[in-house]
Amino acid sequence: MLTKSGILACAAALLAIFTAAIPASAHPHVWVDVKTAVVYEAGRIAAFEHAWTFDEGYATMAIEGLDKNGDGAYDREELAELAQVNIEGLKEFDYFTYPKIGEIALKTGAPVDYWLEYTNGILTLHFTLPLADPVLAGAQGFSFQVMDPSFYIAFELAKESPVTLAAGAPAGCKADVSLPADETDDAKKLGDAFLQQFGGDIGIGMARIVSISCPAS
């Protein structure tokens, strides 16, 4: 059973509790900046190393009461239980990570190497999410998105270096970020209206797509 602090600290748990009562026009309640490193092993795309930084309001709520030794800092040990709660809660939502080859959805495995970091008022969840079946580095049409389809949680790629290719990536491979191919003027107008009403750097149906491509061998 989750503790009170655990429920407050886990965005996925909040989503599970409240999504059913949220109307379609509701605005996000948690904002997350995303940085992802694409991990390669033996010539294959093997995993995503995520670093998700939460908004200040959420971070303040999440860490309340967790400074067990009262030193004014929050180390990994003090945040370990919270990290576990986050990871367990995210499972139900596929870790908000959606890899594909073309239109074929790919499965992911269980996260590893996860922890929470709190520095200078910034709370970041780090975790590595493996692909269930690694994909050849040169596979055509490989892409992924990090998003919450309901927009209860607003995921936004970080402004600086949002996606990197980790060591082991073949020479010439690159990551490109784009809007969905079916993004229309009407959808953009709807997103603009959403922004004007609720604020925040987010639009309906505008989750970025990260595409990985490599030179033909």
N, C-alpha and C. Protein backbone atom coordinates (compact mmCIF):
# COMPACT_ATOMS: atom_id res chain seq x y z
N MET A 1 0.85 -1.20 0.00
CA MET A 1 0.00 0.00 0.00
C MET A 1 0.88 1.24 0.00
N LEU A 2 0.55 2.22 -0.84
CA LEU A 2 1.34 3.43 -0.93
C LEU A 2 1.13 4.30 0.29
N THR A 3 2.21 4.94 0.74
CA THR A 3 2.09 5.91 1.81
C THR A 3 1.51 7.20 1.25
N LYS A 4 1.07 8.06 2.17
CA LYS A 4 0.52 9.34 1.72
C LYS A 4 1.56 10.13 0.94
N SER A 5 2.78 10.17 1.46
CA SER A 5 3.82 10.92 0.76
C SER A 5 4.13 10.29 -0.58
N GLY A 6 4.05 8.97 -0.66
CA GLY A 6 4.31 8.29 -1.93
C GLY A 6 3.28 8.65 -2.97
N ILE A 7 2.01 8.69 -2.57
CA ILE A 7 0.95 9.04 -3.52
C ILE A 7 1.14 10.46 -4.02
N LEU A 8 1.45 11.36 -3.09
CA LEU A 8 1.65 12.75 -3.49
C LEU A 8 2.85 12.89 -4.40
N ALA A 9 3.83 12.04 -4.21
CA ALA A 9 5.09 12.20 -4.94
C ALA A 9 5.10 11.55 -6.29
N CYS A 10 4.12 10.75 -6.61
CA CYS A 10 4.16 9.98 -7.84
C CYS A 10 3.15 10.51 -8.85
N ALA A 11 3.62 11.08 -9.92
CA ALA A 11 2.73 11.63 -10.94
C ALA A 11 1.84 10.56 -11.52
N ALA A 12 2.38 9.38 -11.73
CA ALA A 12 1.58 8.30 -12.30
C ALA A 12 0.45 7.90 -11.36
N ALA A 13 0.74 7.89 -10.07
CA ALA A 13 -0.31 7.56 -9.11
C ALA A 13 -1.40 8.62 -9.11
N LEU A 14 -1.00 9.87 -9.18
CA LEU A 14 -1.98 10.95 -9.27
C LEU A 14 -2.85 10.78 -10.51
N LEU A 15 -2.22 10.43 -11.60
CA LEU A 15 -2.96 10.23 -12.84
C LEU A 15 -3.98 9.12 -12.68
N ALA A 16 -3.58 8.03 -12.07
CA ALA A 16 -4.48 6.89 -11.90
C ALA A 16 -5.68 7.26 -11.04
N ILE A 17 -5.45 8.09 -10.03
CA ILE A 17 -6.52 8.45 -9.11
C ILE A 17 -7.53 9.41 -9.76
N PHE A 18 -7.03 10.37 -10.53
CA PHE A 18 -7.88 11.47 -10.97
C PHE A 18 -8.31 11.45 -12.42
N THR A 19 -7.68 10.65 -13.27
CA THR A 19 -7.96 10.73 -14.70
C THR A 19 -9.43 10.55 -15.02
N ALA A 20 -10.10 9.61 -14.35
CA ALA A 20 -11.49 9.31 -14.68
C ALA A 20 -12.40 10.51 -14.47
N ALA A 21 -11.99 11.42 -13.59
CA ALA A 21 -12.85 12.56 -13.28
C ALA A 21 -12.46 13.81 -14.04
N ILE A 22 -11.42 13.72 -14.90
CA ILE A 22 -10.94 14.90 -15.59
C ILE A 22 -11.64 15.06 -16.92
N PRO A 23 -12.31 16.19 -17.18
CA PRO A 23 -12.93 16.40 -18.49
C PRO A 23 -11.87 16.55 -19.56
N ALA A 24 -12.28 16.35 -20.81
CA ALA A 24 -11.32 16.37 -21.92
C ALA A 24 -10.60 17.70 -22.03
N SER A 25 -11.25 18.79 -21.56
CA SER A 25 -10.66 20.11 -21.71
C SER A 25 -9.76 20.50 -20.55
N ALA A 26 -9.56 19.60 -19.58
CA ALA A 26 -8.77 19.95 -18.40
C ALA A 26 -7.32 20.21 -18.78
N HIS A 27 -6.67 21.06 -17.97
CA HIS A 27 -5.28 21.38 -18.25
C HIS A 27 -4.37 20.45 -17.44
N PRO A 28 -3.08 20.38 -17.82
CA PRO A 28 -2.15 19.51 -17.10
C PRO A 28 -1.99 19.93 -15.65
N HIS A 29 -1.68 18.96 -14.80
CA HIS A 29 -1.45 19.22 -13.38
C HIS A 29 0.01 19.06 -13.00
N VAL A 30 0.78 18.40 -13.83
CA VAL A 30 2.21 18.21 -13.59
C VAL A 30 2.93 18.48 -14.91
N TRP A 31 4.04 19.22 -14.83
CA TRP A 31 4.83 19.51 -16.02
C TRP A 31 6.20 18.84 -15.89
N VAL A 32 6.65 18.23 -16.96
CA VAL A 32 7.91 17.48 -16.93
C VAL A 32 8.75 17.85 -18.15
N ASP A 33 10.00 18.25 -17.90
CA ASP A 33 10.97 18.44 -18.99
C ASP A 33 11.73 17.13 -19.18
N VAL A 34 11.85 16.73 -20.43
CA VAL A 34 12.41 15.41 -20.75
C VAL A 34 13.76 15.53 -21.45
N LYS A 35 14.72 14.76 -20.95
CA LYS A 35 15.97 14.52 -21.66
C LYS A 35 16.13 13.01 -21.80
N THR A 36 16.51 12.56 -22.99
CA THR A 36 16.64 11.13 -23.24
C THR A 36 17.92 10.85 -24.01
N ALA A 37 18.68 9.88 -23.52
CA ALA A 37 19.83 9.37 -24.26
C ALA A 37 19.45 8.00 -24.82
N VAL A 38 19.64 7.83 -26.12
CA VAL A 38 19.35 6.55 -26.76
C VAL A 38 20.58 5.66 -26.60
N VAL A 39 20.40 4.50 -25.98
CA VAL A 39 21.50 3.61 -25.63
C VAL A 39 21.68 2.53 -26.69
N TYR A 40 22.92 2.31 -27.08
CA TYR A 40 23.25 1.29 -28.08
C TYR A 40 24.09 0.18 -27.46
N GLU A 41 23.81 -1.04 -27.87
CA GLU A 41 24.61 -2.19 -27.46
C GLU A 41 24.75 -3.13 -28.65
N ALA A 42 25.99 -3.47 -28.98
CA ALA A 42 26.27 -4.43 -30.05
C ALA A 42 25.56 -4.08 -31.35
N GLY A 43 25.58 -2.79 -31.69
CA GLY A 43 25.00 -2.37 -32.95
C GLY A 43 23.49 -2.29 -32.97
N ARG A 44 22.88 -2.29 -31.81
CA ARG A 44 21.42 -2.22 -31.72
C ARG A 44 21.00 -1.12 -30.75
N ILE A 45 19.83 -0.55 -31.01
CA ILE A 45 19.21 0.36 -30.05
C ILE A 45 18.64 -0.49 -28.93
N ALA A 46 19.15 -0.29 -27.72
CA ALA A 46 18.82 -1.20 -26.63
C ALA A 46 17.95 -0.58 -25.54
N ALA A 47 18.03 0.73 -25.34
CA ALA A 47 17.32 1.32 -24.20
C ALA A 47 17.26 2.83 -24.33
N PHE A 48 16.44 3.41 -23.45
CA PHE A 48 16.36 4.86 -23.31
C PHE A 48 16.81 5.23 -21.90
N GLU A 49 17.73 6.15 -21.78
CA GLU A 49 18.10 6.69 -20.48
C GLU A 49 17.34 8.00 -20.31
N HIS A 50 16.32 7.97 -19.47
CA HIS A 50 15.47 9.14 -19.27
C HIS A 50 15.94 9.97 -18.07
N ALA A 51 15.80 11.27 -18.20
CA ALA A 51 15.93 12.19 -17.07
C ALA A 51 14.74 13.14 -17.15
N TRP A 52 13.81 12.98 -16.22
CA TRP A 52 12.57 13.76 -16.23
C TRP A 52 12.61 14.76 -15.08
N THR A 53 12.58 16.04 -15.41
CA THR A 53 12.63 17.09 -14.41
C THR A 53 11.24 17.67 -14.20
N PHE A 54 10.78 17.64 -12.95
CA PHE A 54 9.42 18.06 -12.61
C PHE A 54 9.35 19.55 -12.33
N ASP A 55 8.14 20.10 -12.48
CA ASP A 55 7.95 21.52 -12.19
C ASP A 55 8.15 21.80 -10.71
N GLU A 56 8.45 23.05 -10.40
CA GLU A 56 8.82 23.44 -9.04
C GLU A 56 7.71 23.15 -8.03
N GLY A 57 6.47 23.44 -8.40
CA GLY A 57 5.36 23.20 -7.48
C GLY A 57 5.21 21.75 -7.12
N TYR A 58 5.30 20.90 -8.12
CA TYR A 58 5.21 19.46 -7.88
C TYR A 58 6.38 18.98 -7.04
N ALA A 59 7.59 19.47 -7.36
CA ALA A 59 8.77 19.04 -6.63
C ALA A 59 8.66 19.37 -5.15
N THR A 60 8.19 20.58 -4.85
CA THR A 60 8.04 20.99 -3.45
C THR A 60 7.07 20.08 -2.72
N MET A 61 5.98 19.74 -3.36
CA MET A 61 5.00 18.83 -2.76
C MET A 61 5.58 17.43 -2.59
N ALA A 62 6.33 16.98 -3.58
CA ALA A 62 6.80 15.60 -3.59
C ALA A 62 7.80 15.31 -2.48
N ILE A 63 8.67 16.27 -2.17
CA ILE A 63 9.73 15.99 -1.20
C ILE A 63 9.34 16.32 0.23
N GLU A 64 8.14 16.84 0.43
CA GLU A 64 7.72 17.24 1.77
C GLU A 64 7.85 16.08 2.76
N GLY A 65 8.56 16.32 3.85
CA GLY A 65 8.70 15.33 4.90
C GLY A 65 9.72 14.25 4.64
N LEU A 66 10.52 14.38 3.59
CA LEU A 66 11.44 13.30 3.24
C LEU A 66 12.88 13.55 3.67
N ASP A 67 13.14 14.71 4.26
CA ASP A 67 14.49 14.99 4.76
C ASP A 67 14.62 14.34 6.13
N LYS A 68 14.87 13.04 6.14
CA LYS A 68 14.81 12.25 7.37
C LYS A 68 15.86 12.65 8.39
N ASN A 69 17.04 13.06 7.93
CA ASN A 69 18.09 13.43 8.89
C ASN A 69 18.12 14.93 9.19
N GLY A 70 17.21 15.68 8.59
CA GLY A 70 17.08 17.09 8.90
C GLY A 70 18.25 17.96 8.52
N ASP A 71 19.03 17.53 7.52
CA ASP A 71 20.21 18.32 7.15
C ASP A 71 19.93 19.32 6.04
N GLY A 72 18.66 19.41 5.61
CA GLY A 72 18.30 20.36 4.58
C GLY A 72 18.58 19.91 3.17
N ALA A 73 19.10 18.69 3.03
CA ALA A 73 19.38 18.14 1.71
C ALA A 73 18.59 16.85 1.54
N TYR A 74 18.50 16.40 0.30
CA TYR A 74 17.75 15.18 0.00
C TYR A 74 18.65 14.28 -0.84
N ASP A 75 19.19 13.23 -0.20
CA ASP A 75 20.09 12.35 -0.92
C ASP A 75 19.33 11.19 -1.55
N ARG A 76 20.04 10.36 -2.29
CA ARG A 76 19.39 9.26 -3.00
C ARG A 76 18.69 8.30 -2.04
N GLU A 77 19.32 8.08 -0.90
CA GLU A 77 18.73 7.14 0.06
C GLU A 77 17.40 7.66 0.58
N GLU A 78 17.33 8.95 0.87
CA GLU A 78 16.08 9.53 1.37
C GLU A 78 14.99 9.53 0.30
N LEU A 79 15.38 9.58 -0.95
CA LEU A 79 14.41 9.61 -2.04
C LEU A 79 14.20 8.25 -2.70
N ALA A 80 14.87 7.23 -2.18
CA ALA A 80 14.82 5.91 -2.83
C ALA A 80 13.41 5.32 -2.86
N GLU A 81 12.69 5.43 -1.74
CA GLU A 81 11.34 4.87 -1.70
C GLU A 81 10.43 5.59 -2.69
N LEU A 82 10.60 6.89 -2.79
CA LEU A 82 9.81 7.67 -3.74
C LEU A 82 10.11 7.26 -5.18
N ALA A 83 11.38 7.05 -5.46
CA ALA A 83 11.76 6.61 -6.80
C ALA A 83 11.10 5.28 -7.12
N GLN A 84 11.08 4.38 -6.15
CA GLN A 84 10.44 3.08 -6.34
C GLN A 84 8.94 3.24 -6.62
N VAL A 85 8.30 4.13 -5.88
CA VAL A 85 6.87 4.38 -6.07
C VAL A 85 6.61 4.92 -7.48
N ASN A 86 7.44 5.85 -7.91
CA ASN A 86 7.29 6.40 -9.26
C ASN A 86 7.39 5.31 -10.31
N ILE A 87 8.41 4.50 -10.22
CA ILE A 87 8.65 3.46 -11.23
C ILE A 87 7.52 2.45 -11.23
N GLU A 88 7.07 2.04 -10.06
CA GLU A 88 5.97 1.07 -9.99
C GLU A 88 4.69 1.67 -10.57
N GLY A 89 4.43 2.95 -10.29
CA GLY A 89 3.23 3.59 -10.80
C GLY A 89 3.25 3.80 -12.30
N LEU A 90 4.44 4.03 -12.84
CA LEU A 90 4.56 4.28 -14.27
C LEU A 90 4.30 3.05 -15.13
N LYS A 91 4.44 1.88 -14.55
CA LYS A 91 4.28 0.65 -15.33
C LYS A 91 2.92 0.59 -16.02
N GLU A 92 1.88 0.98 -15.30
CA GLU A 92 0.52 0.92 -15.84
C GLU A 92 0.36 1.78 -17.09
N PHE A 93 1.21 2.79 -17.21
CA PHE A 93 1.10 3.74 -18.31
C PHE A 93 2.23 3.58 -19.33
N ASP A 94 2.83 2.39 -19.35
CA ASP A 94 3.90 2.09 -20.32
C ASP A 94 5.05 3.08 -20.20
N TYR A 95 5.23 3.61 -18.98
CA TYR A 95 6.32 4.54 -18.70
C TYR A 95 6.25 5.78 -19.60
N PHE A 96 5.05 6.04 -20.14
CA PHE A 96 4.82 7.20 -21.01
C PHE A 96 5.83 7.27 -22.16
N THR A 97 6.35 6.12 -22.55
CA THR A 97 7.36 6.04 -23.61
C THR A 97 6.85 5.11 -24.70
N TYR A 98 6.77 5.62 -25.93
CA TYR A 98 6.12 4.87 -27.01
C TYR A 98 7.06 4.74 -28.22
N PRO A 99 7.87 3.67 -28.25
CA PRO A 99 8.74 3.44 -29.41
C PRO A 99 8.00 2.70 -30.52
N LYS A 100 8.41 2.97 -31.75
CA LYS A 100 7.79 2.33 -32.91
C LYS A 100 8.83 2.09 -34.00
N ILE A 101 8.52 1.14 -34.87
CA ILE A 101 9.16 1.06 -36.18
C ILE A 101 8.04 1.22 -37.19
N GLY A 102 8.06 2.32 -37.90
CA GLY A 102 6.92 2.64 -38.74
C GLY A 102 5.69 2.83 -37.87
N GLU A 103 4.64 2.06 -38.13
CA GLU A 103 3.43 2.13 -37.32
C GLU A 103 3.33 0.97 -36.33
N ILE A 104 4.39 0.18 -36.23
CA ILE A 104 4.38 -0.99 -35.34
C ILE A 104 4.93 -0.59 -33.98
N ALA A 105 4.10 -0.71 -32.95
CA ALA A 105 4.52 -0.37 -31.59
C ALA A 105 5.48 -1.42 -31.06
N LEU A 106 6.51 -0.96 -30.35
CA LEU A 106 7.49 -1.85 -29.74
C LEU A 106 7.29 -1.90 -28.24
N LYS A 107 7.59 -3.04 -27.65
CA LYS A 107 7.43 -3.21 -26.22
C LYS A 107 8.73 -2.84 -25.49
N THR A 108 8.56 -2.41 -24.25
CA THR A 108 9.70 -2.13 -23.40
C THR A 108 9.73 -3.10 -22.24
N GLY A 109 10.90 -3.20 -21.60
CA GLY A 109 11.04 -4.06 -20.44
C GLY A 109 10.89 -3.28 -19.15
N ALA A 110 11.34 -3.87 -18.06
CA ALA A 110 11.27 -3.22 -16.75
C ALA A 110 12.43 -2.24 -16.59
N PRO A 111 12.18 -1.05 -16.03
CA PRO A 111 13.25 -0.07 -15.86
C PRO A 111 14.34 -0.56 -14.90
N VAL A 112 15.54 -0.06 -15.12
CA VAL A 112 16.67 -0.35 -14.24
C VAL A 112 17.37 0.97 -13.93
N ASP A 113 18.26 0.91 -12.95
CA ASP A 113 19.10 2.07 -12.61
C ASP A 113 18.27 3.33 -12.41
N TYR A 114 17.28 3.26 -11.54
CA TYR A 114 16.43 4.43 -11.32
C TYR A 114 16.71 5.08 -9.98
N TRP A 115 16.62 6.41 -9.97
CA TRP A 115 16.79 7.16 -8.74
C TRP A 115 16.23 8.56 -8.92
N LEU A 116 15.98 9.22 -7.80
CA LEU A 116 15.54 10.62 -7.80
C LEU A 116 16.68 11.50 -7.33
N GLU A 117 16.80 12.64 -7.96
CA GLU A 117 17.83 13.62 -7.62
C GLU A 117 17.15 14.95 -7.33
N TYR A 118 17.52 15.56 -6.20
CA TYR A 118 16.97 16.88 -5.86
C TYR A 118 18.14 17.83 -5.62
N THR A 119 18.30 18.79 -6.51
CA THR A 119 19.43 19.72 -6.44
C THR A 119 18.95 21.12 -6.78
N ASN A 120 19.25 22.07 -5.89
CA ASN A 120 18.89 23.48 -6.12
C ASN A 120 17.42 23.66 -6.47
N GLY A 121 16.57 22.92 -5.76
CA GLY A 121 15.13 23.05 -5.96
C GLY A 121 14.58 22.31 -7.15
N ILE A 122 15.42 21.54 -7.82
CA ILE A 122 15.00 20.81 -9.02
C ILE A 122 14.97 19.32 -8.73
N LEU A 123 13.81 18.69 -9.00
CA LEU A 123 13.63 17.26 -8.77
C LEU A 123 13.63 16.54 -10.11
N THR A 124 14.52 15.56 -10.25
CA THR A 124 14.65 14.82 -11.51
C THR A 124 14.62 13.32 -11.25
N LEU A 125 13.79 12.63 -12.02
CA LEU A 125 13.74 11.17 -11.98
C LEU A 125 14.61 10.63 -13.11
N HIS A 126 15.59 9.81 -12.74
CA HIS A 126 16.46 9.16 -13.71
C HIS A 126 16.10 7.68 -13.78
N PHE A 127 15.99 7.14 -14.98
CA PHE A 127 15.82 5.70 -15.12
C PHE A 127 16.17 5.26 -16.53
N THR A 128 16.58 4.00 -16.64
CA THR A 128 16.88 3.41 -17.94
C THR A 128 15.78 2.43 -18.30
N LEU A 129 15.18 2.64 -19.46
CA LEU A 129 14.07 1.82 -19.92
C LEU A 129 14.52 1.01 -21.13
N PRO A 130 14.70 -0.31 -20.97
CA PRO A 130 15.18 -1.13 -22.09
C PRO A 130 14.06 -1.48 -23.06
N LEU A 131 14.41 -1.65 -24.30
CA LEU A 131 13.49 -2.25 -25.26
C LEU A 131 13.42 -3.74 -24.97
N ALA A 132 12.23 -4.31 -25.08
CA ALA A 132 12.10 -5.75 -24.86
C ALA A 132 12.94 -6.52 -25.87
N ASP A 133 12.99 -6.03 -27.09
CA ASP A 133 13.80 -6.62 -28.16
C ASP A 133 14.59 -5.50 -28.82
N PRO A 134 15.91 -5.44 -28.58
CA PRO A 134 16.72 -4.39 -29.20
C PRO A 134 16.56 -4.36 -30.71
N VAL A 135 16.69 -3.16 -31.26
CA VAL A 135 16.44 -2.92 -32.69
C VAL A 135 17.76 -2.59 -33.38
N LEU A 136 17.97 -3.13 -34.56
CA LEU A 136 19.17 -2.79 -35.32
C LEU A 136 19.32 -1.28 -35.45
N ALA A 137 20.54 -0.81 -35.24
CA ALA A 137 20.77 0.64 -35.26
C ALA A 137 20.31 1.28 -36.56
N GLY A 138 20.45 0.57 -37.66
CA GLY A 138 20.08 1.13 -38.94
C GLY A 138 18.66 0.85 -39.38
N ALA A 139 17.83 0.35 -38.47
CA ALA A 139 16.45 0.02 -38.82
C ALA A 139 15.72 1.27 -39.32
N GLN A 140 15.01 1.12 -40.41
CA GLN A 140 14.28 2.25 -40.99
C GLN A 140 12.99 2.52 -40.21
N GLY A 141 12.72 3.80 -39.98
CA GLY A 141 11.45 4.18 -39.37
C GLY A 141 11.38 4.07 -37.87
N PHE A 142 12.54 3.99 -37.18
CA PHE A 142 12.50 3.91 -35.72
C PHE A 142 12.23 5.30 -35.13
N SER A 143 11.27 5.36 -34.24
CA SER A 143 10.92 6.63 -33.59
C SER A 143 10.37 6.35 -32.20
N PHE A 144 10.27 7.41 -31.41
CA PHE A 144 9.62 7.27 -30.10
C PHE A 144 9.05 8.62 -29.68
N GLN A 145 8.08 8.55 -28.79
CA GLN A 145 7.51 9.73 -28.15
C GLN A 145 7.47 9.51 -26.65
N VAL A 146 7.63 10.58 -25.91
CA VAL A 146 7.41 10.58 -24.47
C VAL A 146 6.23 11.50 -24.23
N MET A 147 5.11 10.93 -23.78
CA MET A 147 3.90 11.74 -23.66
C MET A 147 2.87 11.05 -22.78
N ASP A 148 1.95 11.85 -22.28
CA ASP A 148 0.74 11.35 -21.61
C ASP A 148 -0.43 11.71 -22.52
N PRO A 149 -1.04 10.73 -23.18
CA PRO A 149 -2.13 11.03 -24.11
C PRO A 149 -3.26 11.84 -23.50
N SER A 150 -3.47 11.72 -22.18
CA SER A 150 -4.56 12.44 -21.54
C SER A 150 -4.20 13.90 -21.23
N PHE A 151 -2.90 14.22 -21.26
CA PHE A 151 -2.37 15.54 -20.93
C PHE A 151 -2.61 15.92 -19.47
N TYR A 152 -2.84 14.91 -18.62
CA TYR A 152 -2.84 15.22 -17.19
C TYR A 152 -1.42 15.59 -16.78
N ILE A 153 -0.45 14.89 -17.36
CA ILE A 153 0.96 15.24 -17.18
C ILE A 153 1.46 15.79 -18.51
N ALA A 154 2.05 16.96 -18.49
CA ALA A 154 2.53 17.60 -19.72
C ALA A 154 4.03 17.34 -19.87
N PHE A 155 4.37 16.45 -20.78
CA PHE A 155 5.77 16.17 -21.08
C PHE A 155 6.24 17.10 -22.20
N GLU A 156 7.38 17.71 -22.01
CA GLU A 156 7.94 18.61 -23.02
C GLU A 156 9.43 18.32 -23.14
N LEU A 157 9.92 18.16 -24.36
CA LEU A 157 11.34 17.96 -24.54
C LEU A 157 12.11 19.18 -24.04
N ALA A 158 13.21 18.92 -23.35
CA ALA A 158 14.03 20.00 -22.81
C ALA A 158 14.50 20.92 -23.93
N LYS A 159 14.70 22.18 -23.60
CA LYS A 159 15.10 23.16 -24.62
C LYS A 159 16.53 22.93 -25.10
N GLU A 160 17.39 22.41 -24.22
CA GLU A 160 18.78 22.18 -24.60
C GLU A 160 19.09 20.69 -24.59
N SER A 161 19.60 20.19 -25.70
CA SER A 161 20.03 18.78 -25.84
C SER A 161 18.98 17.81 -25.32
N PRO A 162 17.76 17.86 -25.85
CA PRO A 162 16.72 16.97 -25.34
C PRO A 162 16.96 15.50 -25.65
N VAL A 163 17.59 15.21 -26.79
CA VAL A 163 17.83 13.82 -27.19
C VAL A 163 19.27 13.69 -27.65
N THR A 164 19.97 12.71 -27.09
CA THR A 164 21.35 12.43 -27.50
C THR A 164 21.48 10.95 -27.81
N LEU A 165 22.49 10.63 -28.60
CA LEU A 165 22.81 9.24 -28.90
C LEU A 165 24.03 8.87 -28.07
N ALA A 166 23.88 7.85 -27.23
CA ALA A 166 24.94 7.46 -26.32
C ALA A 166 26.09 6.79 -27.06
N ALA A 167 27.18 6.55 -26.34
CA ALA A 167 28.34 5.88 -26.91
C ALA A 167 27.92 4.55 -27.52
N GLY A 168 28.51 4.23 -28.65
CA GLY A 168 28.14 2.99 -29.34
C GLY A 168 27.25 3.21 -30.53
N ALA A 169 26.73 4.42 -30.69
CA ALA A 169 25.91 4.71 -31.87
C ALA A 169 26.80 4.72 -33.10
N PRO A 170 26.37 4.09 -34.18
CA PRO A 170 27.17 4.10 -35.41
C PRO A 170 27.40 5.52 -35.91
N ALA A 171 28.53 5.73 -36.55
CA ALA A 171 28.86 7.05 -37.09
C ALA A 171 27.78 7.50 -38.08
N GLY A 172 27.41 8.76 -37.95
CA GLY A 172 26.44 9.33 -38.88
C GLY A 172 25.00 9.22 -38.44
N CYS A 173 24.72 8.45 -37.41
CA CYS A 173 23.34 8.35 -36.92
C CYS A 173 22.95 9.67 -36.25
N LYS A 174 21.68 10.01 -36.33
CA LYS A 174 21.22 11.26 -35.75
C LYS A 174 19.77 11.14 -35.28
N ALA A 175 19.41 12.06 -34.42
CA ALA A 175 18.03 12.14 -33.91
C ALA A 175 17.40 13.43 -34.42
N ASP A 176 16.21 13.32 -34.97
CA ASP A 176 15.45 14.47 -35.45
C ASP A 176 14.14 14.56 -34.67
N VAL A 177 13.76 15.78 -34.32
CA VAL A 177 12.54 16.01 -33.56
C VAL A 177 11.53 16.73 -34.46
N SER A 178 10.30 16.23 -34.47
CA SER A 178 9.28 16.82 -35.33
C SER A 178 7.91 16.69 -34.69
N LEU A 179 6.94 17.43 -35.25
CA LEU A 179 5.54 17.26 -34.88
C LEU A 179 4.98 16.04 -35.58
N PRO A 180 3.88 15.47 -35.08
CA PRO A 180 3.24 14.36 -35.79
C PRO A 180 2.94 14.72 -37.23
N ALA A 181 3.05 13.75 -38.12
CA ALA A 181 2.86 14.00 -39.55
C ALA A 181 1.47 14.49 -39.87
N ASP A 182 0.48 14.10 -39.06
CA ASP A 182 -0.90 14.49 -39.36
C ASP A 182 -1.30 15.79 -38.67
N GLU A 183 -0.31 16.49 -38.11
CA GLU A 183 -0.60 17.77 -37.47
C GLU A 183 -1.13 18.76 -38.51
N THR A 184 -2.32 19.27 -38.31
CA THR A 184 -2.96 20.16 -39.29
C THR A 184 -3.06 21.57 -38.74
N ASP A 185 -3.40 22.50 -39.61
CA ASP A 185 -3.60 23.88 -39.17
C ASP A 185 -4.70 23.96 -38.13
N ASP A 186 -5.77 23.18 -38.32
CA ASP A 186 -6.87 23.20 -37.36
C ASP A 186 -6.40 22.71 -36.00
N ALA A 187 -5.57 21.65 -36.01
CA ALA A 187 -5.07 21.11 -34.74
C ALA A 187 -4.17 22.14 -34.06
N LYS A 188 -3.36 22.84 -34.85
CA LYS A 188 -2.49 23.86 -34.27
C LYS A 188 -3.32 24.99 -33.65
N LYS A 189 -4.40 25.38 -34.33
CA LYS A 189 -5.27 26.42 -33.80
C LYS A 189 -5.90 25.97 -32.49
N LEU A 190 -6.28 24.68 -32.44
CA LEU A 190 -6.85 24.14 -31.21
C LEU A 190 -5.81 24.18 -30.10
N GLY A 191 -4.57 23.84 -30.43
CA GLY A 191 -3.51 23.90 -29.45
C GLY A 191 -3.27 25.32 -28.96
N ASP A 192 -3.31 26.29 -29.87
CA ASP A 192 -3.13 27.68 -29.49
C ASP A 192 -4.25 28.14 -28.55
N ALA A 193 -5.48 27.72 -28.83
CA ALA A 193 -6.60 28.07 -27.96
C ALA A 193 -6.41 27.47 -26.58
N PHE A 194 -5.89 26.25 -26.54
CA PHE A 194 -5.61 25.58 -25.27
C PHE A 194 -4.58 26.38 -24.48
N LEU A 195 -3.54 26.84 -25.17
CA LEU A 195 -2.50 27.63 -24.52
C LEU A 195 -3.07 28.91 -23.93
N GLN A 196 -3.90 29.60 -24.70
CA GLN A 196 -4.45 30.87 -24.25
C GLN A 196 -5.33 30.70 -23.03
N GLN A 197 -6.05 29.58 -22.96
CA GLN A 197 -6.96 29.37 -21.85
C GLN A 197 -6.24 28.94 -20.59
N PHE A 198 -5.25 28.02 -20.75
CA PHE A 198 -4.65 27.41 -19.56
C PHE A 198 -3.19 27.79 -19.35
N GLY A 199 -2.50 28.31 -20.34
CA GLY A 199 -1.10 28.63 -20.20
C GLY A 199 -0.22 27.39 -20.31
N GLY A 200 1.09 27.60 -20.23
CA GLY A 200 2.00 26.47 -20.30
C GLY A 200 2.43 26.18 -21.73
N ASP A 201 3.58 25.58 -21.87
CA ASP A 201 4.15 25.32 -23.18
C ASP A 201 3.68 23.96 -23.69
N ILE A 202 2.39 23.86 -24.04
CA ILE A 202 1.84 22.58 -24.47
C ILE A 202 0.64 22.83 -25.36
N GLY A 203 0.40 21.95 -26.33
CA GLY A 203 -0.78 22.03 -27.19
C GLY A 203 -1.35 20.64 -27.37
N ILE A 204 -2.67 20.59 -27.55
CA ILE A 204 -3.33 19.30 -27.73
C ILE A 204 -2.83 18.65 -29.01
N GLY A 205 -2.47 17.38 -28.93
CA GLY A 205 -2.05 16.63 -30.10
C GLY A 205 -0.71 17.05 -30.66
N MET A 206 0.15 17.69 -29.83
CA MET A 206 1.41 18.21 -30.36
C MET A 206 2.62 17.56 -29.72
N ALA A 207 2.51 16.34 -29.22
CA ALA A 207 3.64 15.64 -28.64
C ALA A 207 4.69 15.38 -29.71
N ARG A 208 5.92 15.78 -29.44
CA ARG A 208 6.99 15.65 -30.42
C ARG A 208 7.35 14.19 -30.69
N ILE A 209 7.75 13.93 -31.92
CA ILE A 209 8.23 12.62 -32.32
C ILE A 209 9.74 12.71 -32.51
N VAL A 210 10.47 11.77 -31.91
CA VAL A 210 11.91 11.68 -32.10
C VAL A 210 12.18 10.53 -33.06
N SER A 211 12.80 10.83 -34.19
CA SER A 211 13.12 9.82 -35.20
C SER A 211 14.63 9.62 -35.25
N ILE A 212 15.06 8.37 -35.24
CA ILE A 212 16.47 8.03 -35.30
C ILE A 212 16.78 7.48 -36.69
N SER A 213 17.78 8.04 -37.33
CA SER A 213 18.16 7.56 -38.66
C SER A 213 19.67 7.42 -38.76
N CYS A 214 20.10 6.50 -39.62
CA CYS A 214 21.52 6.25 -39.84
C CYS A 214 21.78 6.17 -41.34
N PRO A 215 22.99 6.50 -41.79
CA PRO A 215 23.31 6.39 -43.21
C PRO A 215 23.17 4.94 -43.69
N ALA A 216 22.74 4.77 -44.92
CA ALA A 216 22.65 3.42 -45.48
C ALA A 216 24.04 2.82 -45.56
N SER A 217 24.15 1.55 -45.15
CA SER A 217 25.45 0.89 -45.14
C SER A 217 25.76 0.29 -46.50
